[in-house]
């Protein structure tokens, strides 16, 4: 199935994509439910989805995203047009940055500046 901006995903992921809509839009309401309140399983799955979504994107430098325990890679492949940037932060902050809901000011980039991500 095709999502907005031409992103394709399998029909088997529709239930998770609906869960994303419920959770992230619940945060967007501004009623006190924050990214830190999201279930850990949800946060990790969405970080995986978003890092996969930006993998190979020509406008995103090679980037390693880590919460200090787990790590994901995204952007162009390492060695392709510049060094890899490592972005470290709490899971909620990483999700917020990847989803365009936080500016990344609480994240720690190493190897270069915090990459600007294209809109979802």
Protein backbone atom coordinates (compact mmCIF):
# COMPACT_ATOMS: atom_id res chain seq x y z
CA UNK A 1 0.00 0.00 0.00
CA UNK A 2 1.17 3.55 -0.60
CA UNK A 3 1.30 6.11 2.21
CA UNK A 4 1.57 9.87 1.79
CA UNK A 5 4.68 11.22 0.05
CA UNK A 6 4.96 8.00 -1.95
CA UNK A 7 6.12 5.82 0.95
CA UNK A 8 5.08 2.22 0.48
CA UNK A 9 4.35 -0.24 3.24
CA UNK A 10 2.83 -3.70 3.47
CA UNK A 11 -0.83 -4.17 4.33
CA UNK A 12 0.25 -6.24 7.34
CA UNK A 13 1.56 -3.04 8.94
CA UNK A 14 -1.80 -1.22 8.72
CA UNK A 15 -2.69 -1.96 12.38
CA UNK A 16 0.62 -0.49 13.55
CA UNK A 17 0.23 2.54 11.27
CA UNK A 18 -3.22 3.15 12.85
CA UNK A 19 -1.61 2.84 16.31
CA UNK A 20 0.87 5.51 15.20
CA UNK A 21 -1.98 7.81 14.24
CA UNK A 22 -3.69 7.35 17.62
CA UNK A 23 -0.55 7.75 19.76
CA UNK A 24 1.18 10.62 17.96
CA UNK A 25 -2.00 12.60 17.41
CA UNK A 26 -2.86 12.08 21.09
CA UNK A 27 0.48 13.80 21.84
CA UNK A 28 -0.32 16.51 19.28
CA UNK A 29 -3.51 17.46 21.16
CA UNK A 30 -1.39 19.19 23.82
CA UNK A 31 -3.45 17.82 26.72
CA UNK A 32 -0.56 16.57 28.83
CA UNK A 33 0.11 13.27 27.04
CA UNK A 34 3.75 13.55 25.99
CA UNK A 35 6.17 11.49 23.92
CA UNK A 36 7.61 10.24 27.22
CA UNK A 37 4.18 8.72 28.00
CA UNK A 38 4.17 6.50 24.91
CA UNK A 39 4.58 2.76 25.48
CA UNK A 40 8.24 1.66 25.12
CA UNK A 41 7.30 -0.96 22.51
CA UNK A 42 5.56 1.70 20.43
CA UNK A 43 8.46 4.14 20.69
CA UNK A 44 11.02 1.55 19.58
CA UNK A 45 8.87 0.31 16.69
CA UNK A 46 8.29 3.85 15.45
CA UNK A 47 12.01 4.71 15.68
CA UNK A 48 12.71 1.59 13.59
CA UNK A 49 10.04 2.61 11.05
CA UNK A 50 11.28 6.20 10.76
CA UNK A 51 14.98 5.31 10.51
CA UNK A 52 14.03 2.81 7.79
CA UNK A 53 12.02 5.52 6.05
CA UNK A 54 15.01 7.88 5.85
CA UNK A 55 17.50 5.13 4.89
CA UNK A 56 19.06 5.93 1.53
CA UNK A 57 17.49 9.41 1.47
CA UNK A 58 19.85 11.69 -0.50
CA UNK A 59 19.18 14.70 1.76
CA UNK A 60 20.02 12.90 5.00
CA UNK A 61 23.71 12.30 5.76
CA UNK A 62 24.80 8.88 7.00
CA UNK A 63 23.41 8.88 10.54
CA UNK A 64 23.60 6.52 13.48
CA UNK A 65 20.75 7.06 15.96
CA UNK A 66 21.21 5.67 19.48
CA UNK A 67 19.63 5.80 22.91
CA UNK A 68 22.87 4.49 24.43
CA UNK A 69 21.59 0.90 24.42
CA UNK A 70 20.17 0.33 20.95
CA UNK A 71 21.30 1.85 17.66
CA UNK A 72 19.77 2.32 14.23
CA UNK A 73 21.29 3.61 10.97
CA UNK A 74 19.62 5.91 8.49
CA UNK A 75 20.35 8.37 5.71
CA UNK A 76 22.86 7.80 2.94
CA UNK A 77 25.24 4.89 3.38
CA UNK A 78 28.39 5.63 5.45
CA UNK A 79 31.26 6.86 3.28
CA UNK A 80 28.86 8.33 0.71
CA UNK A 81 29.33 12.09 0.67
CA UNK A 82 30.61 12.72 4.15
CA UNK A 83 31.23 11.08 7.49
CA UNK A 84 28.61 9.38 9.61
CA UNK A 85 26.92 11.55 12.25
CA UNK A 86 25.93 9.88 15.53
CA UNK A 87 22.84 11.26 17.26
CA UNK A 88 22.35 10.23 20.89
CA UNK A 89 19.36 10.87 23.12
CA UNK A 90 16.48 9.50 25.12
CA UNK A 91 14.04 7.38 23.09
CA UNK A 92 11.23 9.96 23.35
CA UNK A 93 13.55 12.73 22.13
CA UNK A 94 14.82 10.60 19.25
CA UNK A 95 11.25 9.76 18.23
CA UNK A 96 10.22 13.40 18.51
CA UNK A 97 13.07 14.52 16.23
CA UNK A 98 12.54 11.72 13.68
CA UNK A 99 8.77 12.38 13.59
CA UNK A 100 9.20 16.14 13.23
CA UNK A 101 7.62 16.85 16.61
CA UNK A 102 10.78 18.12 18.37
CA UNK A 103 13.66 20.22 17.11
CA UNK A 104 16.35 17.88 18.42
CA UNK A 105 17.81 20.45 20.83
CA UNK A 106 17.99 17.80 23.59
CA UNK A 107 19.93 15.38 21.36
CA UNK A 108 23.72 15.12 21.22
CA UNK A 109 25.20 14.95 17.72
CA UNK A 110 28.79 13.76 17.18
CA UNK A 111 30.75 13.80 13.93
CA UNK A 112 28.80 16.73 12.52
CA UNK A 113 25.74 18.86 13.15
CA UNK A 114 22.32 17.39 13.82
CA UNK A 115 20.97 16.46 10.39
CA UNK A 116 17.93 18.31 9.08
CA UNK A 117 15.28 15.74 8.24
CA UNK A 118 12.84 16.10 5.36
CA UNK A 119 9.15 16.42 6.23
CA UNK A 120 7.18 13.21 6.61
